[in-house]
Protein backbone atom coordinates (compact mmCIF):
# COMPACT_ATOMS: atom_id res chain seq x y z
CA MET A 1 -24.16 94.93 25.76
CA PHE A 2 -25.05 96.31 22.60
CA LEU A 3 -28.85 95.51 22.81
CA GLY A 4 -28.50 97.15 26.92
CA PHE A 5 -27.69 100.27 25.50
CA LEU A 6 -30.21 100.49 22.73
CA GLN A 7 -32.60 99.73 25.48
CA LEU A 8 -30.99 102.34 27.66
CA PHE A 9 -31.02 105.39 24.55
CA ARG A 10 -34.93 104.29 24.49
CA PRO A 11 -34.79 104.27 20.40
CA LEU A 12 -38.78 105.68 20.50
CA ASN A 13 -37.70 108.82 21.89
CA LEU A 14 -34.73 109.80 19.72
CA LEU A 15 -36.68 108.87 16.97
CA LEU A 16 -39.05 111.27 18.02
CA GLY A 17 -36.36 113.55 18.55
CA ALA A 18 -35.04 113.45 15.24
CA LEU A 19 -38.96 113.27 13.35
CA ALA A 20 -39.17 117.16 15.40
CA ILE A 21 -36.04 118.02 13.93
CA VAL A 22 -37.23 117.08 10.23
CA ILE A 23 -40.02 118.68 10.38
CA SER A 24 -38.61 121.85 11.90
CA SER A 25 -36.39 121.61 8.82
CA SER A 26 -39.83 121.25 6.91
CA ILE A 27 -41.50 123.85 8.25
CA LEU A 28 -38.16 127.13 8.12
CA GLU A 29 -37.70 125.16 4.39
CA VAL A 30 -34.17 124.27 5.15
CA GLU A 31 -32.10 122.93 2.53
CA VAL A 32 -29.03 122.00 3.52
CA PRO A 33 -28.72 118.32 3.93
CA PHE A 34 -25.90 118.43 5.93
CA ILE A 35 -27.10 120.89 8.28
CA ILE A 36 -29.94 118.81 9.19
CA LEU A 37 -28.31 115.70 9.48
CA GLN A 38 -26.04 117.43 11.83
CA THR A 39 -28.88 118.86 14.05
CA VAL A 40 -30.31 115.52 13.74
CA PHE A 41 -27.25 113.77 15.32
CA VAL A 42 -26.76 116.58 17.99
CA VAL A 43 -30.56 116.06 19.58
CA ILE A 44 -29.78 111.99 18.94
CA ILE A 45 -26.77 111.86 21.00
CA LEU A 46 -27.61 114.41 23.71
CA ASN A 47 -30.74 112.85 24.29
CA ALA A 48 -29.39 109.06 24.56
CA ALA A 49 -27.05 110.98 27.28
CA ALA A 50 -29.92 112.34 28.94
CA ASN A 51 -31.33 108.79 29.04
CA VAL A 52 -28.88 106.76 30.18
CA PHE A 53 -28.00 109.24 32.46
CA ASN A 54 -31.38 109.22 34.16
CA ASP A 55 -31.28 105.31 34.41
CA TYR A 56 -27.96 105.50 35.79
CA MET A 57 -29.62 107.55 39.23
CA ASP A 58 -32.60 106.09 38.52
CA PHE A 59 -31.37 102.39 39.47
CA GLU A 60 -32.85 101.98 42.63
CA THR A 61 -36.49 103.26 41.82
CA ASP A 62 -36.22 100.83 38.69
CA ARG A 63 -35.29 97.71 40.82
CA ILE A 64 -38.85 98.04 42.13
CA ASN A 65 -40.79 100.04 39.21
CA HIS A 66 -38.67 98.39 35.77
CA PRO A 67 -36.53 95.48 37.46
CA GLU A 68 -36.38 94.59 33.10
CA ARG A 69 -34.32 97.84 32.72
CA PRO A 70 -30.68 96.92 31.47
CA ILE A 71 -28.96 98.12 35.13
CA PRO A 72 -31.38 96.70 37.21
CA LYS A 73 -31.09 93.50 35.91
CA GLY A 74 -27.41 93.06 35.31
CA ALA A 75 -26.72 94.01 31.27
CA ILE A 76 -24.88 96.93 31.96
CA SER A 77 -22.84 98.23 34.92
CA LYS A 78 -23.64 101.43 36.71
CA MET A 79 -19.97 103.04 35.95
CA THR A 80 -20.31 101.86 32.13
CA ALA A 81 -23.25 103.86 31.75
CA LEU A 82 -22.10 106.83 33.64
CA ILE A 83 -19.03 106.47 31.31
CA ALA A 84 -20.99 106.07 28.38
CA ALA A 85 -23.63 109.04 29.39
CA THR A 86 -20.45 111.47 29.79
CA LEU A 87 -19.23 110.73 26.53
CA LEU A 88 -22.14 111.32 25.41
CA PHE A 89 -22.93 114.52 26.57
CA VAL A 90 -19.62 115.71 25.38
CA ALA A 91 -19.78 114.57 21.93
CA GLY A 92 -22.99 116.34 21.58
CA ILE A 93 -22.28 119.63 22.93
CA THR A 94 -19.10 119.45 20.87
CA LEU A 95 -20.70 118.93 17.66
CA SER A 96 -23.00 121.24 18.17
CA ALA A 97 -20.71 124.27 18.09
CA PHE A 98 -20.16 122.96 14.56
CA LEU A 99 -23.78 124.18 13.83
CA ASN A 100 -24.11 128.45 15.30
CA SER A 101 -23.00 130.02 18.17
CA ASP A 102 -26.97 130.14 19.27
CA ALA A 103 -27.52 126.19 18.99
CA PHE A 104 -23.97 125.78 21.20
CA ILE A 105 -25.89 127.76 23.93
CA VAL A 106 -29.21 126.28 23.55
CA ALA A 107 -27.41 122.87 23.84
CA SER A 108 -24.76 123.82 26.60
CA LEU A 109 -26.25 126.38 28.34
CA ILE A 110 -29.80 125.32 28.38
CA ALA A 111 -30.09 121.65 27.85
CA VAL A 112 -27.93 119.65 28.76
CA PRO A 113 -27.70 121.27 32.43
CA LEU A 114 -31.61 120.98 33.15
CA MET A 115 -30.97 117.36 32.01
CA ILE A 116 -28.01 116.95 34.53
CA ALA A 117 -29.90 118.95 36.62
CA TYR A 118 -33.28 116.79 36.84
CA SER A 119 -31.97 113.72 37.12
CA LEU A 120 -29.18 114.81 39.78
CA TRP A 121 -32.11 116.93 41.80
CA PHE A 122 -35.42 118.03 40.28
CA LYS A 123 -36.88 114.41 39.49
CA GLY A 124 -38.36 114.22 42.94
CA TRP A 125 -39.12 117.44 43.10
CA PRO A 126 -42.78 117.32 43.50
CA LEU A 127 -44.50 118.79 39.78
CA PHE A 128 -41.19 120.80 39.20
CA GLY A 129 -39.55 117.86 37.76
CA ASN A 130 -42.19 117.09 35.45
CA ILE A 131 -41.45 120.52 34.27
CA VAL A 132 -38.52 120.72 33.58
CA VAL A 133 -38.67 117.43 31.49
CA ALA A 134 -41.80 119.10 29.63
CA LEU A 135 -38.98 122.25 28.77
CA ILE A 136 -36.46 119.47 27.86
CA LEU A 137 -38.51 118.14 25.51
CA GLY A 138 -40.03 121.54 24.26
CA LEU A 139 -36.24 122.98 23.77
CA THR A 140 -35.73 120.81 20.58
CA PHE A 141 -37.72 122.54 18.91
CA ILE A 142 -35.72 125.90 20.46
CA PHE A 143 -32.72 123.93 19.62
CA ALA A 144 -34.09 123.42 15.45
CA GLY A 145 -34.77 126.98 15.19
CA ALA A 146 -31.01 128.33 16.77
CA ALA A 147 -29.39 126.01 14.29
CA PHE A 148 -31.68 126.55 11.57
CA GLY A 149 -31.77 130.86 11.99
CA ASN A 150 -35.45 130.72 13.25
CA LEU A 151 -35.96 130.67 16.56
CA TRP A 152 -40.13 131.99 16.15
CA ALA A 153 -41.26 130.28 14.22
CA LEU A 154 -41.41 127.04 16.07
CA ILE A 155 -42.73 128.39 19.26
CA VAL A 156 -46.10 126.81 18.51
CA PRO A 157 -44.47 122.92 18.10
CA ALA A 158 -42.14 123.79 21.05
CA LEU A 159 -45.24 124.49 23.57
CA LEU A 160 -47.50 121.68 22.31
CA ALA A 161 -44.63 119.26 23.28
CA PHE A 162 -44.16 120.76 26.87
CA GLY A 163 -48.07 120.79 27.27
CA PHE A 164 -47.92 116.96 26.08
CA THR A 165 -44.89 116.12 27.93
CA LEU A 166 -45.86 117.55 31.15
CA LEU A 167 -49.23 115.82 30.88
CA ARG A 168 -47.74 112.33 29.90
CA GLU A 169 -45.08 112.99 33.05
CA LEU A 170 -47.56 113.67 35.55
CA VAL A 171 -49.12 110.60 34.03
CA LYS A 172 -46.42 107.95 34.29
CA ASP A 173 -45.55 109.66 37.86
CA ILE A 174 -49.11 108.23 38.88
CA ALA A 175 -48.41 104.74 37.23
CA ASP A 176 -45.22 104.75 39.33
CA LEU A 177 -46.52 105.74 42.54
CA GLU A 178 -45.59 102.82 44.75
CA GLY A 179 -41.85 102.39 43.32
CA ASP A 180 -41.76 106.21 44.23
CA ARG A 181 -42.91 106.20 47.75
CA SER A 182 -40.70 103.24 48.43
CA ALA A 183 -37.50 104.99 47.42
CA GLY A 184 -38.64 108.22 49.36
CA LEU A 185 -38.96 110.42 46.23
CA ARG A 186 -40.97 113.07 46.92
CA THR A 187 -43.18 113.35 43.42
CA PHE A 188 -46.68 115.07 43.58
CA PRO A 189 -48.54 111.87 43.35
CA VAL A 190 -46.62 110.67 46.27
CA LEU A 191 -47.40 114.07 48.49
CA ALA A 192 -51.09 114.35 46.97
CA GLY A 193 -52.39 111.27 46.26
CA GLU A 194 -54.15 109.64 43.08
CA LYS A 195 -56.96 111.80 43.00
CA LYS A 196 -55.73 115.04 43.36
CA SER A 197 -53.19 113.84 41.08
CA ALA A 198 -55.40 112.81 38.56
CA ILE A 199 -57.78 115.69 39.47
CA LEU A 200 -54.76 117.70 37.89
CA ALA A 201 -53.81 115.36 35.00
CA ILE A 202 -57.77 116.21 34.09
CA ILE A 203 -57.17 119.61 34.26
CA LEU A 204 -53.99 119.59 32.03
CA SER A 205 -55.70 117.09 29.50
CA THR A 206 -58.33 119.66 29.13
CA MET A 207 -56.21 122.83 28.67
CA ILE A 208 -54.33 121.29 26.08
CA GLY A 209 -57.35 119.81 24.19
CA ALA A 210 -58.28 123.52 24.01
CA GLY A 211 -54.81 125.05 23.56
CA ALA A 212 -53.73 122.80 20.47
CA LEU A 213 -57.34 124.45 18.65
CA ILE A 214 -55.77 127.99 18.88
CA PRO A 215 -53.22 127.97 16.11
CA TYR A 216 -55.66 126.85 13.87
CA PHE A 217 -58.28 129.66 14.40
CA LEU A 218 -55.22 131.58 14.65
CA GLY A 219 -54.32 131.10 10.90
CA PHE A 220 -50.80 129.11 11.70
CA TYR A 221 -52.64 125.97 9.93
CA GLY A 222 -54.69 125.07 7.83
CA LEU A 223 -57.95 122.48 7.58
CA LYS A 224 -55.33 119.32 7.24
CA TYR A 225 -53.95 120.54 10.82
CA LEU A 226 -57.59 120.76 12.25
CA ILE A 227 -58.72 117.06 10.76
CA ILE A 228 -55.50 115.39 12.44
CA LEU A 229 -55.65 117.10 15.44
CA ILE A 230 -59.27 115.87 15.89
CA PHE A 231 -58.97 112.22 15.16
CA GLY A 232 -55.40 112.09 16.49
CA ILE A 233 -55.42 114.18 19.50
CA GLU A 234 -58.91 115.75 20.63
CA PHE A 235 -60.63 111.75 20.37
CA PRO A 236 -57.70 110.22 22.79
CA LEU A 237 -57.84 113.13 25.01
CA PHE A 238 -61.22 112.58 25.58
CA TYR A 239 -60.78 108.82 25.98
CA VAL A 240 -57.80 109.70 28.47
CA LEU A 241 -60.43 112.49 30.32
CA LEU A 242 -63.12 110.06 30.86
CA THR A 243 -60.55 107.41 31.85
CA LEU A 244 -58.82 109.65 34.48
CA VAL A 245 -62.31 110.74 36.09
CA LYS A 246 -63.65 106.83 36.44
CA SER A 247 -60.46 105.42 36.65
CA PRO A 248 -56.96 106.70 37.59
CA THR A 249 -56.17 103.33 38.54
CA ILE A 250 -52.09 102.26 37.74
CA THR A 251 -52.73 100.04 35.40
CA ASN A 252 -55.14 102.61 33.35
CA CYS A 253 -52.38 105.34 34.20
CA LYS A 254 -49.87 103.08 31.86
CA ARG A 255 -52.10 102.73 29.05
CA ILE A 256 -52.76 106.64 29.09
CA ALA A 257 -49.28 107.84 29.13
CA GLN A 258 -48.58 105.48 25.75
CA ILE A 259 -51.68 106.57 24.32
CA LEU A 260 -50.07 110.17 24.68
CA LYS A 261 -46.48 109.11 23.65
CA ALA A 262 -48.35 108.21 19.98
CA CYS A 263 -50.28 111.63 20.61
CA ILE A 264 -47.14 113.62 20.16
CA ILE A 265 -46.02 111.60 17.10
CA VAL A 266 -49.62 112.61 15.61
CA GLY A 267 -49.10 116.23 17.00
CA LEU A 268 -45.64 116.51 15.30
CA LEU A 269 -47.40 115.24 11.93
CA ALA A 270 -50.54 117.05 12.63
CA VAL A 271 -47.65 120.49 12.36
CA TYR A 272 -45.53 119.45 9.32
CA LEU A 273 -49.00 118.31 7.05
CA GLY A 274 -51.02 121.55 8.32
């Protein structure tokens, strides 16, 4: 059961959230380790809760798209997953209250409601569901800003996280097209088809690639940011563009989704070192 829950939690996603908080604390020059650690715990707990709840709600589609997931393969029951998600949500919100009122408001009134609403309703909404997921990821930096007392300083990484996540979610939906169609979900690729979805992904890739350069030219970040950006983000995005233009197949989209996840990590590194 332990390994099953570990898989439900999606450790890499939790690590990304923790890394985002550590980088945020570095940008804002936070010098209180306990506050940083507490903020990291809140983000990890709430993200774990959202991941478990999402798997609970995705049971039917995962039987087709991802039968290896813990709930479809029977490693963890649906009821156990629901109880775990509930306890984690309560724990995360409670812990956020000990940071400050702004952090508590972002966690309890914005982030958690969005997490729950996404799995309950928005996941099947064409494109809007993808936007909600991207908002939740971007909120990681907003929450960090609230916890550390400076929201505006983290707007740039929040926007970068939003853009990359939106693109990745769209590409993942293209990869999951068959299962989503069988489950009756009304995702954008289900309604618009592979070709139009790939065109939208190409447009988003171009916008993100251009937009990621803006902070450098505005003087927010230095040469290190630009160098990391070019080799770790712009080149991979160019590959993504070529692949989507030539062959936006399900297999290729699954590979692109993994590349984009790596790009998010590189983007965090660029912000941290830049």
